[in-house]
Amino acid sequence: MELLATGETARKRTVDTQFDLTPQERHVAMLAASGLTNPEIATQLFVTTSTIEFHLSRVFRKLGITSRKQIGRKLSEADSGD
C-alpha cells in the first residue's frame, strides 16, 4: 500500500538481483555504518527498532557479513563495482 501511495512499484526479483540491497536496506546500512545505534536509526526513520533489526539482518545476509563494522567497507566495494 505504501508503494502504491507514493506511485512507486516494487522491483522484480531475479537471481541476478537477489543480493542487491533495497533502497531502504541501503539507507539503514549507511546509517548503521555511520555509527548510529538501532534505536537512533529507528527514531530518525520513524519506524520501530525491530524494523531496523529486520533490515539489518537482511543487509548482513545479502552482503555476507557478520559485523556492523563491515558494512561501510562492503557498501564501498559494491559502489565501486568490486
C-alpha atoms as a PDB file:
ATOM      1  CA  MET A   1       0.000   0.000   0.000  1.00  0.00           C
ATOM      2  CA  GLU A   2       2.787   2.448   0.845  1.00  0.00           C
ATOM      3  CA  LEU A   3       4.445   1.948  -2.534  1.00  0.00           C
ATOM      4  CA  LEU A   4       1.143   2.441  -4.295  1.00  0.00           C
ATOM      5  CA  ALA A   5       0.526   5.665  -2.371  1.00  0.00           C
ATOM      6  CA  THR A   6       3.890   7.072  -3.445  1.00  0.00           C
ATOM      7  CA  GLY A   7       3.496   5.999  -7.046  1.00  0.00           C
ATOM      8  CA  GLU A   8       6.456   3.619  -6.777  1.00  0.00           C
ATOM      9  CA  THR A   9       6.457  -0.029  -7.717  1.00  0.00           C
ATOM     10  CA  ALA A  10       8.369  -2.957  -6.281  1.00  0.00           C
ATOM     11  CA  ARG A  11      11.290  -4.092  -8.365  1.00  0.00           C
ATOM     12  CA  LYS A  12      11.261  -7.555  -9.842  1.00  0.00           C
ATOM     13  CA  ARG A  13      13.448 -10.033  -8.000  1.00  0.00           C
ATOM     14  CA  THR A  14      15.678 -12.242 -10.110  1.00  0.00           C
ATOM     15  CA  VAL A  15      18.630 -14.498  -9.446  1.00  0.00           C
ATOM     16  CA  ASP A  16      20.863 -11.596 -10.534  1.00  0.00           C
ATOM     17  CA  THR A  17      19.323  -9.159  -8.043  1.00  0.00           C
ATOM     18  CA  GLN A  18      18.729 -11.442  -5.069  1.00  0.00           C
ATOM     19  CA  PHE A  19      21.709  -9.986  -3.189  1.00  0.00           C
ATOM     20  CA  ASP A  20      21.078  -6.342  -4.131  1.00  0.00           C
ATOM     21  CA  LEU A  21      20.036  -4.111  -1.264  1.00  0.00           C
ATOM     22  CA  THR A  22      16.687  -2.393  -1.483  1.00  0.00           C
ATOM     23  CA  PRO A  23      16.766   1.401  -1.134  1.00  0.00           C
ATOM     24  CA  GLN A  24      15.512   1.103   2.462  1.00  0.00           C
ATOM     25  CA  GLU A  25      18.109  -1.556   3.331  1.00  0.00           C
ATOM     26  CA  ARG A  26      20.863   0.612   1.827  1.00  0.00           C
ATOM     27  CA  HIS A  27      19.656   3.646   3.801  1.00  0.00           C
ATOM     28  CA  VAL A  28      19.593   1.688   7.074  1.00  0.00           C
ATOM     29  CA  ALA A  29      23.012   0.188   6.289  1.00  0.00           C
ATOM     30  CA  MET A  30      24.510   3.618   5.627  1.00  0.00           C
ATOM     31  CA  LEU A  31      23.124   4.977   8.891  1.00  0.00           C
ATOM     32  CA  ALA A  32      24.469   1.959  10.788  1.00  0.00           C
ATOM     33  CA  ALA A  33      27.856   2.358   9.109  1.00  0.00           C
ATOM     34  CA  SER A  34      27.925   5.986  10.229  1.00  0.00           C
ATOM     35  CA  GLY A  35      27.821   4.777  13.839  1.00  0.00           C
ATOM     36  CA  LEU A  36      24.160   5.230  14.738  1.00  0.00           C
ATOM     37  CA  THR A  37      22.567   2.651  17.020  1.00  0.00           C
ATOM     38  CA  ASN A  38      19.420   0.754  16.062  1.00  0.00           C
ATOM     39  CA  PRO A  39      17.214   2.954  18.298  1.00  0.00           C
ATOM     40  CA  GLU A  40      18.774   6.110  16.809  1.00  0.00           C
ATOM     41  CA  ILE A  41      18.159   4.858  13.264  1.00  0.00           C
ATOM     42  CA  ALA A  42      14.589   3.890  14.159  1.00  0.00           C
ATOM     43  CA  THR A  43      13.908   7.344  15.575  1.00  0.00           C
ATOM     44  CA  GLN A  44      15.359   9.058  12.525  1.00  0.00           C
ATOM     45  CA  LEU A  45      13.293   6.924  10.111  1.00  0.00           C
ATOM     46  CA  PHE A  46      10.109   6.915  12.231  1.00  0.00           C
ATOM     47  CA  VAL A  47      10.000   3.110  12.459  1.00  0.00           C
ATOM     48  CA  THR A  48      10.426   0.579  15.251  1.00  0.00           C
ATOM     49  CA  THR A  49      13.738  -0.809  16.408  1.00  0.00           C
ATOM     50  CA  SER A  50      12.558  -4.267  15.328  1.00  0.00           C
ATOM     51  CA  THR A  51      12.084  -2.933  11.784  1.00  0.00           C
ATOM     52  CA  ILE A  52      15.706  -1.761  11.808  1.00  0.00           C
ATOM     53  CA  GLU A  53      16.819  -5.144  13.134  1.00  0.00           C
ATOM     54  CA  PHE A  54      14.888  -6.817  10.296  1.00  0.00           C
ATOM     55  CA  HIS A  55      16.521  -4.626   7.648  1.00  0.00           C
ATOM     56  CA  LEU A  56      19.997  -5.099   9.123  1.00  0.00           C
ATOM     57  CA  SER A  57      19.584  -8.883   9.245  1.00  0.00           C
ATOM     58  CA  ARG A  58      18.796  -8.812   5.519  1.00  0.00           C
ATOM     59  CA  VAL A  59      21.746  -6.455   4.892  1.00  0.00           C
ATOM     60  CA  PHE A  60      24.100  -8.818   6.730  1.00  0.00           C
ATOM     61  CA  ARG A  61      22.818 -11.822   4.758  1.00  0.00           C
ATOM     62  CA  LYS A  62      22.934 -10.089   1.384  1.00  0.00           C
ATOM     63  CA  LEU A  63      26.396  -8.612   1.934  1.00  0.00           C
ATOM     64  CA  GLY A  64      27.759 -11.802   3.503  1.00  0.00           C
ATOM     65  CA  ILE A  65      28.932 -10.061   6.669  1.00  0.00           C
ATOM     66  CA  THR A  66      28.671 -10.730  10.387  1.00  0.00           C
ATOM     67  CA  SER A  67      29.520  -7.358  11.921  1.00  0.00           C
ATOM     68  CA  ARG A  68      28.310  -3.760  11.698  1.00  0.00           C
ATOM     69  CA  LYS A  69      31.951  -2.759  11.306  1.00  0.00           C
ATOM     70  CA  GLN A  70      31.992  -4.490   7.913  1.00  0.00           C
ATOM     71  CA  ILE A  71      29.020  -2.587   6.463  1.00  0.00           C
ATOM     72  CA  GLY A  72      30.876   0.527   5.325  1.00  0.00           C
ATOM     73  CA  ARG A  73      33.609  -1.417   3.555  1.00  0.00           C
ATOM     74  CA  LYS A  74      31.116  -3.708   1.792  1.00  0.00           C
ATOM     75  CA  LEU A  75      28.992  -0.755   0.657  1.00  0.00           C
ATOM     76  CA  SER A  76      32.108   0.941  -0.716  1.00  0.00           C
ATOM     77  CA  GLU A  77      33.098  -2.227  -2.558  1.00  0.00           C
ATOM     78  CA  ALA A  78      29.602  -2.568  -4.015  1.00  0.00           C
ATOM     79  CA  ASP A  79      29.571   1.065  -5.139  1.00  0.00           C
ATOM     80  CA  SER A  80      32.963   0.746  -6.808  1.00  0.00           C
ATOM     81  CA  GLY A  81      31.941  -2.463  -8.582  1.00  0.00           C
ATOM     82  CA  ASP A  82      34.458  -4.758  -6.847  1.00  0.00           C
END
